[in-house]
N, C-alpha and C. Protein backbone atom coordinates (compact mmCIF):
# COMPACT_ATOMS: atom_id res chain seq x y z
N MET A 1 4.44 -25.32 -9.01
CA MET A 1 3.49 -24.40 -8.42
C MET A 1 3.04 -23.46 -9.53
N GLY A 2 1.74 -23.34 -9.68
CA GLY A 2 1.19 -22.44 -10.68
C GLY A 2 1.26 -20.99 -10.23
N ILE A 3 1.21 -20.11 -11.19
CA ILE A 3 1.28 -18.68 -10.88
C ILE A 3 0.09 -18.24 -10.03
N GLY A 4 -1.07 -18.84 -10.26
CA GLY A 4 -2.25 -18.51 -9.46
C GLY A 4 -2.06 -18.88 -8.00
N ASP A 5 -1.44 -20.04 -7.76
CA ASP A 5 -1.17 -20.46 -6.39
C ASP A 5 -0.18 -19.51 -5.71
N LYS A 6 0.84 -19.12 -6.46
CA LYS A 6 1.84 -18.20 -5.90
C LYS A 6 1.18 -16.87 -5.51
N ILE A 7 0.29 -16.40 -6.36
CA ILE A 7 -0.39 -15.13 -6.09
C ILE A 7 -1.28 -15.26 -4.86
N ASP A 8 -2.03 -16.36 -4.77
CA ASP A 8 -2.91 -16.57 -3.62
C ASP A 8 -2.11 -16.67 -2.32
N ASN A 9 -1.00 -17.39 -2.36
CA ASN A 9 -0.17 -17.52 -1.17
C ASN A 9 0.43 -16.18 -0.75
N ALA A 10 0.91 -15.43 -1.71
CA ALA A 10 1.48 -14.12 -1.42
C ALA A 10 0.41 -13.17 -0.89
N LYS A 11 -0.80 -13.29 -1.44
CA LYS A 11 -1.91 -12.45 -0.98
C LYS A 11 -2.22 -12.74 0.48
N ASP A 12 -2.27 -14.02 0.85
CA ASP A 12 -2.51 -14.38 2.25
C ASP A 12 -1.39 -13.86 3.16
N GLN A 13 -0.16 -14.01 2.70
CA GLN A 13 0.97 -13.56 3.50
C GLN A 13 0.94 -12.05 3.71
N LEU A 14 0.70 -11.31 2.65
CA LEU A 14 0.69 -9.84 2.76
C LEU A 14 -0.51 -9.34 3.55
N ALA A 15 -1.66 -9.94 3.34
CA ALA A 15 -2.85 -9.53 4.10
C ALA A 15 -2.65 -9.82 5.58
N GLY A 16 -2.03 -10.94 5.88
CA GLY A 16 -1.75 -11.28 7.27
C GLY A 16 -0.80 -10.29 7.91
N LYS A 17 0.24 -9.91 7.19
CA LYS A 17 1.19 -8.92 7.71
C LYS A 17 0.50 -7.58 7.95
N ALA A 18 -0.38 -7.21 7.02
CA ALA A 18 -1.09 -5.93 7.16
C ALA A 18 -2.02 -5.96 8.37
N LYS A 19 -2.74 -7.06 8.54
CA LYS A 19 -3.64 -7.18 9.70
C LYS A 19 -2.84 -7.16 11.00
N GLY A 20 -1.72 -7.86 11.00
CA GLY A 20 -0.87 -7.88 12.20
C GLY A 20 -0.35 -6.49 12.53
N ALA A 21 0.06 -5.75 11.52
CA ALA A 21 0.55 -4.39 11.73
C ALA A 21 -0.56 -3.47 12.23
N ALA A 22 -1.75 -3.64 11.65
CA ALA A 22 -2.89 -2.83 12.11
C ALA A 22 -3.22 -3.16 13.56
N GLY A 23 -3.15 -4.43 13.89
CA GLY A 23 -3.39 -4.84 15.28
C GLY A 23 -2.35 -4.28 16.23
N ASP A 24 -1.10 -4.25 15.78
CA ASP A 24 -0.02 -3.68 16.60
C ASP A 24 -0.26 -2.19 16.83
N THR A 25 -0.67 -1.51 15.78
CA THR A 25 -0.89 -0.07 15.86
C THR A 25 -2.04 0.29 16.80
N THR A 26 -3.09 -0.52 16.75
CA THR A 26 -4.29 -0.22 17.54
C THR A 26 -4.35 -1.00 18.85
N ASP A 27 -3.30 -1.78 19.15
CA ASP A 27 -3.27 -2.64 20.34
C ASP A 27 -4.46 -3.59 20.37
N ASN A 28 -4.88 -4.06 19.20
CA ASN A 28 -5.99 -5.00 19.07
C ASN A 28 -5.41 -6.41 18.96
N GLU A 29 -5.47 -7.14 20.07
CA GLU A 29 -4.87 -8.47 20.10
C GLU A 29 -5.58 -9.45 19.17
N ASP A 30 -6.89 -9.30 19.00
CA ASP A 30 -7.63 -10.18 18.09
C ASP A 30 -7.17 -9.99 16.65
N LEU A 31 -6.98 -8.76 16.26
CA LEU A 31 -6.51 -8.46 14.90
C LEU A 31 -5.08 -8.94 14.70
N GLN A 32 -4.25 -8.80 15.73
CA GLN A 32 -2.88 -9.31 15.66
C GLN A 32 -2.88 -10.81 15.44
N ALA A 33 -3.70 -11.51 16.21
CA ALA A 33 -3.76 -12.96 16.10
C ALA A 33 -4.31 -13.39 14.74
N GLU A 34 -5.34 -12.71 14.28
CA GLU A 34 -5.93 -13.03 12.98
C GLU A 34 -4.90 -12.83 11.86
N GLY A 35 -4.13 -11.78 11.96
CA GLY A 35 -3.08 -11.52 10.97
C GLY A 35 -2.01 -12.59 10.99
N LYS A 36 -1.62 -13.01 12.17
CA LYS A 36 -0.59 -14.04 12.30
C LYS A 36 -1.08 -15.37 11.71
N VAL A 37 -2.35 -15.69 11.98
CA VAL A 37 -2.93 -16.93 11.43
C VAL A 37 -2.95 -16.88 9.91
N GLN A 38 -3.38 -15.77 9.36
CA GLN A 38 -3.47 -15.66 7.90
C GLN A 38 -2.09 -15.70 7.26
N GLU A 39 -1.13 -15.05 7.88
CA GLU A 39 0.24 -15.06 7.35
C GLU A 39 0.82 -16.47 7.39
N THR A 40 0.59 -17.17 8.49
CA THR A 40 1.07 -18.54 8.63
C THR A 40 0.40 -19.46 7.62
N LYS A 41 -0.88 -19.24 7.39
CA LYS A 41 -1.62 -20.03 6.39
C LYS A 41 -0.96 -19.88 5.01
N GLY A 42 -0.63 -18.66 4.64
CA GLY A 42 0.04 -18.42 3.37
C GLY A 42 1.41 -19.08 3.31
N ASP A 43 2.14 -19.01 4.42
CA ASP A 43 3.46 -19.63 4.48
C ASP A 43 3.37 -21.15 4.32
N LEU A 44 2.41 -21.76 5.01
CA LEU A 44 2.26 -23.21 4.95
C LEU A 44 1.82 -23.68 3.56
N LYS A 45 0.91 -22.92 2.95
CA LYS A 45 0.47 -23.29 1.60
C LYS A 45 1.64 -23.19 0.62
N ALA A 46 2.46 -22.18 0.76
CA ALA A 46 3.62 -22.03 -0.13
C ALA A 46 4.61 -23.17 0.08
N ALA A 47 4.83 -23.55 1.33
CA ALA A 47 5.74 -24.65 1.62
C ALA A 47 5.20 -25.96 1.05
N GLY A 48 3.90 -26.18 1.18
CA GLY A 48 3.28 -27.38 0.63
C GLY A 48 3.43 -27.46 -0.88
N GLU A 49 3.27 -26.34 -1.54
CA GLU A 49 3.43 -26.31 -2.99
C GLU A 49 4.88 -26.62 -3.39
N LYS A 50 5.83 -26.12 -2.61
CA LYS A 50 7.24 -26.40 -2.90
C LYS A 50 7.55 -27.88 -2.75
N VAL A 51 6.95 -28.51 -1.72
CA VAL A 51 7.17 -29.95 -1.52
C VAL A 51 6.57 -30.72 -2.69
N LYS A 52 5.38 -30.34 -3.12
CA LYS A 52 4.75 -31.03 -4.25
C LYS A 52 5.62 -30.88 -5.50
N ASP A 53 6.17 -29.70 -5.71
CA ASP A 53 7.02 -29.47 -6.89
C ASP A 53 8.30 -30.31 -6.82
N ALA A 54 8.81 -30.51 -5.62
CA ALA A 54 10.05 -31.28 -5.45
C ALA A 54 9.86 -32.74 -5.85
N PHE A 55 8.65 -33.25 -5.69
CA PHE A 55 8.40 -34.65 -6.00
C PHE A 55 7.87 -34.87 -7.41
N LYS A 56 7.84 -33.85 -8.22
CA LYS A 56 7.39 -34.01 -9.61
C LYS A 56 8.48 -34.57 -10.46
C-alpha cells in the first residue's frame, strides 16, 4: 500500500467520523448516514489494499 493510498483512506475515515459526529450533534440523520458511508468506504479501501499487499 502506498503512502498516498494510506492518506486517502485515513482522510475518508476521519471525514466520515466527523460528519457522523456532526450529524449526532445536530440530530441530522442524513449527515449521520453520509458520515457512516464515507467512513465505511475508507475502511473497505484500506482492507482491500491490505489484501493486495498480502498477495504480493
